[in-house]
C-alpha atoms as a PDB file:
ATOM      1  CA  MET A   1      11.065 -22.559 -17.434  1.00  0.00           C
ATOM      2  CA  LYS A   2       7.277 -21.222 -17.431  1.00  0.00           C
ATOM      3  CA  GLN A   3       7.893 -17.417 -17.733  1.00  0.00           C
ATOM      4  CA  GLU A   4       3.980 -16.892 -18.197  1.00  0.00           C
ATOM      5  CA  PHE A   5       3.173 -18.761 -15.097  1.00  0.00           C
ATOM      6  CA  LEU A   6       5.855 -16.917 -13.131  1.00  0.00           C
ATOM      7  CA  LYS A   7       4.957 -13.389 -14.151  1.00  0.00           C
ATOM      8  CA  ASN A   8       1.298 -14.323 -13.046  1.00  0.00           C
ATOM      9  CA  TRP A   9       2.541 -15.886  -9.858  1.00  0.00           C
ATOM     10  CA  ASP A  10       4.501 -12.533  -9.253  1.00  0.00           C
ATOM     11  CA  THR A  11       1.609 -10.488 -10.261  1.00  0.00           C
ATOM     12  CA  GLN A  12      -0.846 -12.164  -7.477  1.00  0.00           C
ATOM     13  CA  MET A  13       1.473 -11.952  -5.078  1.00  0.00           C
ATOM     14  CA  LYS A  14       2.158  -8.477  -5.427  1.00  0.00           C
ATOM     15  CA  LYS A  15      -1.595  -8.031  -5.548  1.00  0.00           C
ATOM     16  CA  GLY A  16      -1.540  -9.792  -2.130  1.00  0.00           C
ATOM     17  CA  LEU A  17       0.788  -7.959  -0.504  1.00  0.00           C
ATOM     18  CA  LEU A  18      -0.472  -4.453  -1.877  1.00  0.00           C
ATOM     19  CA  PRO A  19      -1.880  -3.515   1.623  1.00  0.00           C
ATOM     20  CA  LEU A  20       1.473  -4.001   3.563  1.00  0.00           C
ATOM     21  CA  PHE A  21       3.156  -2.025   0.640  1.00  0.00           C
ATOM     22  CA  VAL A  22       0.800   0.581   1.271  1.00  0.00           C
ATOM     23  CA  LEU A  23       1.323   0.630   4.926  1.00  0.00           C
ATOM     24  CA  GLN A  24       5.048   0.641   4.694  1.00  0.00           C
ATOM     25  CA  LEU A  25       4.979   3.519   2.573  1.00  0.00           C
ATOM     26  CA  LEU A  26       2.867   5.737   4.917  1.00  0.00           C
ATOM     27  CA  GLN A  27       5.251   4.931   7.721  1.00  0.00           C
ATOM     28  CA  THR A  28       7.422   7.842   6.616  1.00  0.00           C
ATOM     29  CA  LYS A  29       5.341  10.304   5.160  1.00  0.00           C
ATOM     30  CA  GLU A  30       1.494  11.463   4.183  1.00  0.00           C
ATOM     31  CA  CYS A  31       0.250  10.937   0.602  1.00  0.00           C
ATOM     32  CA  TYR A  32      -2.364  11.438  -1.692  1.00  0.00           C
ATOM     33  CA  GLY A  33      -3.745   8.491  -3.459  1.00  0.00           C
ATOM     34  CA  TYR A  34      -1.956   9.550  -7.003  1.00  0.00           C
ATOM     35  CA  GLU A  35       1.113  10.104  -5.329  1.00  0.00           C
ATOM     36  CA  ILE A  36       0.651   6.407  -3.658  1.00  0.00           C
ATOM     37  CA  ILE A  37       0.175   5.416  -7.170  1.00  0.00           C
ATOM     38  CA  GLN A  38       3.254   6.765  -8.277  1.00  0.00           C
ATOM     39  CA  GLU A  39       5.389   5.685  -5.102  1.00  0.00           C
ATOM     40  CA  LEU A  40       4.181   1.994  -5.312  1.00  0.00           C
ATOM     41  CA  LYS A  41       5.386   1.853  -9.158  1.00  0.00           C
ATOM     42  CA  SER A  42       8.847   3.805  -8.214  1.00  0.00           C
ATOM     43  CA  VAL A  43       9.731   2.078  -4.883  1.00  0.00           C
ATOM     44  CA  PHE A  44       8.491  -1.402  -5.185  1.00  0.00           C
ATOM     45  CA  GLY A  45       7.949  -2.025  -9.224  1.00  0.00           C
ATOM     46  CA  ILE A  46       4.179  -2.263  -8.613  1.00  0.00           C
ATOM     47  CA  ASP A  47       2.032  -0.912 -11.250  1.00  0.00           C
ATOM     48  CA  VAL A  48      -1.388  -0.261 -10.049  1.00  0.00           C
ATOM     49  CA  ASN A  49      -4.413   2.005 -11.134  1.00  0.00           C
ATOM     50  CA  GLU A  50      -6.840   4.384  -9.405  1.00  0.00           C
ATOM     51  CA  GLY A  51      -9.451   1.537  -9.840  1.00  0.00           C
ATOM     52  CA  THR A  52      -7.050  -1.030  -7.005  1.00  0.00           C
ATOM     53  CA  ILE A  53      -5.758   1.906  -5.121  1.00  0.00           C
ATOM     54  CA  TYR A  54      -8.800   3.901  -4.099  1.00  0.00           C
ATOM     55  CA  PRO A  55     -11.131   1.024  -3.002  1.00  0.00           C
ATOM     56  CA  LEU A  56      -8.016  -0.641  -1.082  1.00  0.00           C
ATOM     57  CA  LEU A  57      -7.427   2.950   0.911  1.00  0.00           C
ATOM     58  CA  ILE A  58     -11.219   3.264   1.955  1.00  0.00           C
ATOM     59  CA  ARG A  59     -11.181  -0.301   3.177  1.00  0.00           C
ATOM     60  CA  LEU A  60      -7.848   0.451   5.290  1.00  0.00           C
ATOM     61  CA  MET A  61      -9.745   3.289   6.374  1.00  0.00           C
ATOM     62  CA  LYS A  62     -12.700   1.550   7.438  1.00  0.00           C
ATOM     63  CA  GLU A  63     -10.452  -0.966   9.096  1.00  0.00           C
ATOM     64  CA  GLY A  64      -9.178   1.842  10.974  1.00  0.00           C
ATOM     65  CA  LEU A  65      -5.418   1.540   9.543  1.00  0.00           C
ATOM     66  CA  LEU A  66      -5.090   4.857   8.031  1.00  0.00           C
ATOM     67  CA  GLN A  67      -6.449   8.599   8.680  1.00  0.00           C
ATOM     68  CA  HIS A  68      -6.943  10.907   6.223  1.00  0.00           C
ATOM     69  CA  GLN A  69      -7.294  14.846   6.127  1.00  0.00           C
ATOM     70  CA  TRP A  70      -8.354  17.288   3.296  1.00  0.00           C
ATOM     71  CA  VAL A  71      -5.305  19.599   2.426  1.00  0.00           C
ATOM     72  CA  GLU A  72      -5.462  22.926   0.613  1.00  0.00           C
ATOM     73  CA  GLN A  73      -3.761  23.278  -2.725  1.00  0.00           C
ATOM     74  CA  ALA A  74      -2.435  26.435  -4.395  1.00  0.00           C
ATOM     75  CA  SER A  75      -4.879  25.449  -7.442  1.00  0.00           C
ATOM     76  CA  GLY A  76      -8.066  25.463  -5.070  1.00  0.00           C
ATOM     77  CA  ILE A  77      -8.577  22.227  -5.467  1.00  0.00           C
ATOM     78  CA  PRO A  78      -8.230  20.368  -2.139  1.00  0.00           C
ATOM     79  CA  ARG A  79      -6.424  16.516  -1.978  1.00  0.00           C
ATOM     80  CA  LYS A  80      -6.946  13.796   0.575  1.00  0.00           C
ATOM     81  CA  TYR A  81      -3.486  13.061   2.324  1.00  0.00           C
ATOM     82  CA  TYR A  82      -3.850   9.416   3.739  1.00  0.00           C
ATOM     83  CA  THR A  83      -1.373   8.488   6.817  1.00  0.00           C
ATOM     84  CA  ILE A  84      -1.286   5.422   8.872  1.00  0.00           C
ATOM     85  CA  SER A  85      -3.093   5.340  12.277  1.00  0.00           C
ATOM     86  CA  THR A  86      -1.330   4.257  15.337  1.00  0.00           C
ATOM     87  CA  GLU A  87      -3.455   0.747  15.201  1.00  0.00           C
ATOM     88  CA  GLY A  88      -1.949   0.845  11.489  1.00  0.00           C
ATOM     89  CA  LYS A  89       1.355   0.700  12.732  1.00  0.00           C
ATOM     90  CA  ALA A  90       0.947  -2.224  14.756  1.00  0.00           C
ATOM     91  CA  VAL A  91      -0.929  -4.195  11.959  1.00  0.00           C
ATOM     92  CA  TYR A  92       2.076  -3.222   9.706  1.00  0.00           C
ATOM     93  CA  ALA A  93       4.399  -4.490  12.014  1.00  0.00           C
ATOM     94  CA  GLU A  94       2.626  -7.905  12.469  1.00  0.00           C
ATOM     95  CA  MET A  95       1.976  -8.352   8.780  1.00  0.00           C
ATOM     96  CA  LYS A  96       5.462  -7.512   8.283  1.00  0.00           C
ATOM     97  CA  LYS A  97       6.412 -10.170  10.684  1.00  0.00           C
ATOM     98  CA  ASN A  98       4.561 -12.922   9.220  1.00  0.00           C
ATOM     99  CA  ILE A  99       5.925 -12.111   5.759  1.00  0.00           C
ATOM    100  CA  GLU A 100       9.273 -12.684   7.182  1.00  0.00           C
ATOM    101  CA  LEU A 101       7.874 -16.000   9.053  1.00  0.00           C
ATOM    102  CA  ASN A 102       7.110 -17.570   5.862  1.00  0.00           C
ATOM    103  CA  ILE A 103       9.920 -16.423   3.808  1.00  0.00           C
ATOM    104  CA  GLN A 104      12.356 -18.239   6.955  1.00  0.00           C
ATOM    105  CA  ASN A 105       9.860 -21.031   6.149  1.00  0.00           C
ATOM    106  CA  LEU A 106      11.201 -21.438   2.762  1.00  0.00           C
ATOM    107  CA  LYS A 107      14.698 -21.597   3.709  1.00  0.00           C
END
């Protein structure tokens, strides 16, 4: 079997699904950028870096799918916490439905 091909395919598939995974994470709690990176790794096994996640967060915000707020920390350095918007929840539901339909088509 072509292990390299399958590994590359899996990586590309996860990259394509990254917006869905981020929206899913933010369904239950607000997170700051680095926390999203950590959660993606622990929950979904996706290893992304800051150069990938922050442009995606900006794009999702421009689309109106995310909101953010600055929260002061004990250290004095504020963190930007991201939350999913009402529109983001609706888009997430549609994305999830589309994925489920595609999986059904494979059966």
